[in-house]
Amino acid sequence: MAWIYLVFAGLLEVLWTFFMKKSLGFTLLVPSIITIVTMIASVFLLSIAMRSLPLGTAYTVWTGIGAVGAFAVGVIGLGEALTPLRLIAALLIVAGIVLMKISSSSA
């Protein structure tokens, strides 16, 4: 169950980063509120996952999902550049997440 919480926490991290971008530096009310609510929910789910997962694994996976997800949203939804080097960097993050999952002693 901890891994499910962790994945949802990571997905919420992607949402709050997207809405933070849309808030234009917290100058727009609705995107700012969505940012704060999803940020709190993300950290809350991360804290639940950390009850049974190692700190290093949980945090690495959470930030990795957020980083790769934000990268994908930026490229797909915001028209940011998709260069070979940026793609390789994202793939390396995914490889790190997979290795953390494999190396974790918690199920």
N, C-alpha and C. Protein backbone atom coordinates (compact mmCIF):
# COMPACT_ATOMS: atom_id res chain seq x y z
N MET A 1 0.82 -1.20 0.00
CA MET A 1 0.00 0.00 0.00
C MET A 1 0.87 1.27 0.00
N ALA A 2 2.03 1.19 0.64
CA ALA A 2 2.92 2.35 0.70
C ALA A 2 3.33 2.82 -0.69
N TRP A 3 3.57 1.87 -1.59
CA TRP A 3 3.98 2.24 -2.94
C TRP A 3 2.85 2.96 -3.68
N ILE A 4 1.62 2.57 -3.41
CA ILE A 4 0.47 3.25 -4.03
C ILE A 4 0.40 4.69 -3.55
N TYR A 5 0.54 4.88 -2.23
CA TYR A 5 0.55 6.23 -1.68
C TYR A 5 1.68 7.05 -2.29
N LEU A 6 2.83 6.42 -2.45
CA LEU A 6 3.99 7.12 -2.98
C LEU A 6 3.78 7.54 -4.43
N VAL A 7 3.21 6.67 -5.23
CA VAL A 7 2.94 7.02 -6.64
C VAL A 7 1.95 8.18 -6.71
N PHE A 8 0.88 8.11 -5.92
CA PHE A 8 -0.09 9.22 -5.93
C PHE A 8 0.55 10.51 -5.43
N ALA A 9 1.43 10.42 -4.45
CA ALA A 9 2.14 11.60 -3.96
C ALA A 9 2.98 12.21 -5.08
N GLY A 10 3.65 11.36 -5.85
CA GLY A 10 4.45 11.83 -6.97
C GLY A 10 3.60 12.48 -8.06
N LEU A 11 2.45 11.88 -8.34
CA LEU A 11 1.55 12.46 -9.35
C LEU A 11 1.01 13.81 -8.89
N LEU A 12 0.71 13.92 -7.61
CA LEU A 12 0.27 15.21 -7.07
C LEU A 12 1.39 16.25 -7.15
N GLU A 13 2.63 15.78 -7.02
CA GLU A 13 3.75 16.71 -7.16
C GLU A 13 3.79 17.30 -8.58
N VAL A 14 3.51 16.46 -9.56
CA VAL A 14 3.44 16.95 -10.94
C VAL A 14 2.34 18.00 -11.07
N LEU A 15 1.19 17.73 -10.47
CA LEU A 15 0.08 18.69 -10.53
C LEU A 15 0.45 20.02 -9.89
N TRP A 16 1.05 19.96 -8.68
CA TRP A 16 1.33 21.25 -8.03
C TRP A 16 2.40 22.04 -8.76
N THR A 17 3.35 21.37 -9.39
CA THR A 17 4.35 22.13 -10.14
C THR A 17 3.72 22.78 -11.38
N PHE A 18 2.81 22.06 -12.02
CA PHE A 18 2.11 22.62 -13.19
C PHE A 18 1.30 23.86 -12.78
N PHE A 19 0.55 23.72 -11.70
CA PHE A 19 -0.28 24.85 -11.29
C PHE A 19 0.54 25.99 -10.70
N MET A 20 1.71 25.67 -10.15
CA MET A 20 2.59 26.76 -9.70
C MET A 20 3.04 27.58 -10.91
N LYS A 21 3.36 26.90 -11.99
CA LYS A 21 3.73 27.60 -13.22
C LYS A 21 2.56 28.47 -13.70
N LYS A 22 1.36 27.90 -13.67
CA LYS A 22 0.17 28.61 -14.12
C LYS A 22 -0.22 29.76 -13.19
N SER A 23 0.25 29.74 -11.93
CA SER A 23 -0.12 30.80 -10.98
C SER A 23 0.64 32.10 -11.23
N LEU A 24 1.64 32.05 -12.12
CA LEU A 24 2.46 33.22 -12.43
C LEU A 24 3.04 33.85 -11.17
N GLY A 25 3.75 33.01 -10.42
CA GLY A 25 4.39 33.49 -9.20
C GLY A 25 3.40 33.80 -8.09
N PHE A 26 2.36 32.97 -7.99
CA PHE A 26 1.30 33.12 -6.99
C PHE A 26 0.55 34.45 -7.12
N THR A 27 0.42 34.93 -8.35
CA THR A 27 -0.34 36.16 -8.58
C THR A 27 -1.78 35.88 -9.04
N LEU A 28 -2.07 34.64 -9.41
CA LEU A 28 -3.42 34.25 -9.81
C LEU A 28 -4.01 33.36 -8.73
N LEU A 29 -5.20 33.69 -8.25
CA LEU A 29 -5.77 33.04 -7.08
C LEU A 29 -6.05 31.55 -7.26
N VAL A 30 -6.80 31.17 -8.28
CA VAL A 30 -7.22 29.77 -8.42
C VAL A 30 -6.02 28.83 -8.61
N PRO A 31 -5.12 29.11 -9.55
CA PRO A 31 -3.96 28.22 -9.66
C PRO A 31 -3.11 28.20 -8.38
N SER A 32 -3.05 29.31 -7.66
CA SER A 32 -2.30 29.36 -6.41
C SER A 32 -2.92 28.46 -5.36
N ILE A 33 -4.24 28.48 -5.26
CA ILE A 33 -4.94 27.62 -4.30
C ILE A 33 -4.75 26.15 -4.67
N ILE A 34 -4.89 25.83 -5.94
CA ILE A 34 -4.69 24.44 -6.39
C ILE A 34 -3.27 24.00 -6.08
N THR A 35 -2.30 24.87 -6.30
CA THR A 35 -0.90 24.55 -5.98
C THR A 35 -0.75 24.19 -4.51
N ILE A 36 -1.27 25.02 -3.64
CA ILE A 36 -1.09 24.81 -2.20
C ILE A 36 -1.80 23.54 -1.74
N VAL A 37 -3.02 23.31 -2.21
CA VAL A 37 -3.78 22.13 -1.80
C VAL A 37 -3.11 20.85 -2.28
N THR A 38 -2.68 20.81 -3.56
CA THR A 38 -2.05 19.60 -4.07
C THR A 38 -0.66 19.40 -3.46
N MET A 39 0.01 20.49 -3.11
CA MET A 39 1.31 20.38 -2.44
C MET A 39 1.15 19.72 -1.07
N ILE A 40 0.18 20.18 -0.31
CA ILE A 40 -0.07 19.61 1.02
C ILE A 40 -0.47 18.14 0.90
N ALA A 41 -1.35 17.83 -0.05
CA ALA A 41 -1.78 16.44 -0.24
C ALA A 41 -0.61 15.56 -0.65
N SER A 42 0.26 16.06 -1.50
CA SER A 42 1.42 15.29 -1.95
C SER A 42 2.35 14.96 -0.78
N VAL A 43 2.65 15.96 0.02
CA VAL A 43 3.55 15.75 1.16
C VAL A 43 2.88 14.83 2.20
N PHE A 44 1.58 14.97 2.37
CA PHE A 44 0.86 14.11 3.30
C PHE A 44 0.95 12.65 2.86
N LEU A 45 0.69 12.37 1.58
CA LEU A 45 0.79 11.00 1.08
C LEU A 45 2.22 10.48 1.16
N LEU A 46 3.19 11.34 0.90
CA LEU A 46 4.59 10.95 1.05
C LEU A 46 4.87 10.54 2.49
N SER A 47 4.35 11.29 3.45
CA SER A 47 4.58 10.96 4.85
C SER A 47 3.97 9.62 5.24
N ILE A 48 2.82 9.30 4.66
CA ILE A 48 2.21 7.99 4.92
C ILE A 48 3.08 6.89 4.34
N ALA A 49 3.56 7.09 3.11
CA ALA A 49 4.43 6.08 2.48
C ALA A 49 5.70 5.87 3.28
N MET A 50 6.21 6.95 3.89
CA MET A 50 7.47 6.86 4.65
C MET A 50 7.32 6.09 5.96
N ARG A 51 6.10 5.78 6.35
CA ARG A 51 5.92 4.96 7.55
C ARG A 51 6.56 3.59 7.38
N SER A 52 6.54 3.09 6.13
CA SER A 52 7.08 1.74 5.92
C SER A 52 8.19 1.66 4.88
N LEU A 53 8.40 2.73 4.12
CA LEU A 53 9.47 2.72 3.12
C LEU A 53 10.68 3.48 3.66
N PRO A 54 11.87 3.07 3.24
CA PRO A 54 13.07 3.80 3.66
C PRO A 54 13.03 5.25 3.14
N LEU A 55 13.55 6.15 3.93
CA LEU A 55 13.56 7.57 3.60
C LEU A 55 14.17 7.82 2.21
N GLY A 56 15.35 7.30 1.99
CA GLY A 56 16.05 7.55 0.72
C GLY A 56 15.26 7.04 -0.48
N THR A 57 14.67 5.87 -0.35
CA THR A 57 13.87 5.31 -1.44
C THR A 57 12.62 6.14 -1.69
N ALA A 58 11.88 6.42 -0.62
CA ALA A 58 10.63 7.17 -0.77
C ALA A 58 10.88 8.55 -1.37
N TYR A 59 11.84 9.25 -0.84
CA TYR A 59 12.09 10.61 -1.31
C TYR A 59 12.61 10.62 -2.75
N THR A 60 13.48 9.69 -3.07
CA THR A 60 14.02 9.62 -4.43
C THR A 60 12.93 9.30 -5.44
N VAL A 61 12.08 8.35 -5.12
CA VAL A 61 11.00 7.98 -6.03
C VAL A 61 10.01 9.14 -6.17
N TRP A 62 9.67 9.79 -5.06
CA TRP A 62 8.73 10.92 -5.08
C TRP A 62 9.25 12.06 -5.96
N THR A 63 10.49 12.45 -5.73
CA THR A 63 11.04 13.54 -6.53
C THR A 63 11.27 13.12 -7.98
N GLY A 64 11.59 11.86 -8.18
CA GLY A 64 11.79 11.36 -9.54
C GLY A 64 10.50 11.39 -10.35
N ILE A 65 9.41 10.92 -9.74
CA ILE A 65 8.11 10.98 -10.42
C ILE A 65 7.77 12.44 -10.72
N GLY A 66 8.00 13.30 -9.75
CA GLY A 66 7.72 14.71 -9.95
C GLY A 66 8.57 15.32 -11.05
N ALA A 67 9.85 14.99 -11.06
CA ALA A 67 10.75 15.56 -12.06
C ALA A 67 10.42 15.09 -13.47
N VAL A 68 10.26 13.80 -13.63
CA VAL A 68 9.96 13.26 -14.96
C VAL A 68 8.56 13.67 -15.40
N GLY A 69 7.62 13.66 -14.46
CA GLY A 69 6.26 14.08 -14.78
C GLY A 69 6.20 15.54 -15.18
N ALA A 70 6.90 16.39 -14.46
CA ALA A 70 6.93 17.82 -14.79
C ALA A 70 7.61 18.04 -16.14
N PHE A 71 8.64 17.28 -16.40
CA PHE A 71 9.32 17.34 -17.70
C PHE A 71 8.34 16.98 -18.81
N ALA A 72 7.59 15.88 -18.64
CA ALA A 72 6.63 15.44 -19.65
C ALA A 72 5.52 16.46 -19.85
N VAL A 73 4.99 17.00 -18.75
CA VAL A 73 3.94 18.01 -18.85
C VAL A 73 4.48 19.26 -19.55
N GLY A 74 5.71 19.63 -19.25
CA GLY A 74 6.31 20.79 -19.90
C GLY A 74 6.44 20.60 -21.39
N VAL A 75 6.88 19.42 -21.79
CA VAL A 75 7.07 19.15 -23.22
C VAL A 75 5.72 18.99 -23.92
N ILE A 76 4.83 18.18 -23.34
CA ILE A 76 3.56 17.87 -24.00
C ILE A 76 2.55 19.01 -23.88
N GLY A 77 2.45 19.57 -22.68
CA GLY A 77 1.39 20.55 -22.44
C GLY A 77 1.79 22.00 -22.56
N LEU A 78 3.08 22.28 -22.40
CA LEU A 78 3.51 23.68 -22.40
C LEU A 78 4.44 24.02 -23.57
N GLY A 79 4.70 23.06 -24.42
CA GLY A 79 5.50 23.32 -25.60
C GLY A 79 6.99 23.53 -25.35
N GLU A 80 7.49 23.01 -24.23
CA GLU A 80 8.92 23.14 -23.95
C GLU A 80 9.72 22.22 -24.87
N ALA A 81 10.97 22.55 -25.06
CA ALA A 81 11.82 21.83 -26.00
C ALA A 81 12.08 20.39 -25.55
N LEU A 82 12.01 19.48 -26.51
CA LEU A 82 12.39 18.09 -26.29
C LEU A 82 13.66 17.84 -27.07
N THR A 83 14.78 17.93 -26.38
CA THR A 83 16.07 17.70 -27.03
C THR A 83 16.58 16.32 -26.64
N PRO A 84 17.47 15.77 -27.43
CA PRO A 84 18.01 14.45 -27.09
C PRO A 84 18.65 14.42 -25.69
N LEU A 85 19.37 15.46 -25.32
CA LEU A 85 20.02 15.49 -24.02
C LEU A 85 19.00 15.53 -22.87
N ARG A 86 17.93 16.32 -23.03
CA ARG A 86 16.89 16.37 -22.00
C ARG A 86 16.18 15.03 -21.88
N LEU A 87 15.96 14.36 -23.02
CA LEU A 87 15.32 13.04 -23.01
C LEU A 87 16.21 12.01 -22.31
N ILE A 88 17.48 12.04 -22.59
CA ILE A 88 18.42 11.13 -21.91
C ILE A 88 18.42 11.39 -20.40
N ALA A 89 18.41 12.65 -20.01
CA ALA A 89 18.38 12.99 -18.59
C ALA A 89 17.13 12.43 -17.92
N ALA A 90 15.97 12.57 -18.57
CA ALA A 90 14.73 12.03 -18.01
C ALA A 90 14.79 10.51 -17.92
N LEU A 91 15.34 9.86 -18.93
CA LEU A 91 15.47 8.40 -18.90
C LEU A 91 16.40 7.94 -17.78
N LEU A 92 17.44 8.71 -17.51
CA LEU A 92 18.33 8.37 -16.39
C LEU A 92 17.61 8.50 -15.04
N ILE A 93 16.74 9.48 -14.93
CA ILE A 93 15.95 9.61 -13.70
C ILE A 93 15.03 8.41 -13.54
N VAL A 94 14.38 8.00 -14.63
CA VAL A 94 13.51 6.82 -14.58
C VAL A 94 14.31 5.59 -14.19
N ALA A 95 15.50 5.44 -14.75
CA ALA A 95 16.36 4.30 -14.39
C ALA A 95 16.69 4.33 -12.90
N GLY A 96 16.95 5.49 -12.37
CA GLY A 96 17.23 5.62 -10.94
C GLY A 96 16.04 5.23 -10.09
N ILE A 97 14.84 5.63 -10.52
CA ILE A 97 13.63 5.26 -9.79
C ILE A 97 13.44 3.74 -9.79
N VAL A 98 13.63 3.13 -10.94
CA VAL A 98 13.49 1.67 -11.05
C VAL A 98 14.51 0.98 -10.16
N LEU A 99 15.74 1.44 -10.16
CA LEU A 99 16.77 0.83 -9.32
C LEU A 99 16.46 1.01 -7.84
N MET A 100 15.93 2.15 -7.44
CA MET A 100 15.53 2.36 -6.05
C MET A 100 14.42 1.38 -5.66
N LYS A 101 13.46 1.20 -6.53
CA LYS A 101 12.37 0.26 -6.25
C LYS A 101 12.91 -1.16 -6.11
N ILE A 102 13.76 -1.55 -7.03
CA ILE A 102 14.33 -2.90 -7.01
C ILE A 102 15.17 -3.12 -5.75
N SER A 103 15.93 -2.10 -5.36
CA SER A 103 16.84 -2.26 -4.23
C SER A 103 16.16 -2.12 -2.88
N SER A 104 14.90 -1.67 -2.88
CA SER A 104 14.20 -1.47 -1.61
C SER A 104 13.84 -2.82 -0.99
N SER A 105 14.07 -2.93 0.30
CA SER A 105 13.75 -4.16 1.00
C SER A 105 12.29 -4.23 1.39
N SER A 106 11.58 -3.10 1.32
CA SER A 106 10.14 -3.06 1.66
C SER A 106 9.32 -3.40 0.43
N ALA A 107 8.22 -4.08 0.64
CA ALA A 107 7.37 -4.45 -0.48
C ALA A 107 6.20 -3.60 -0.62
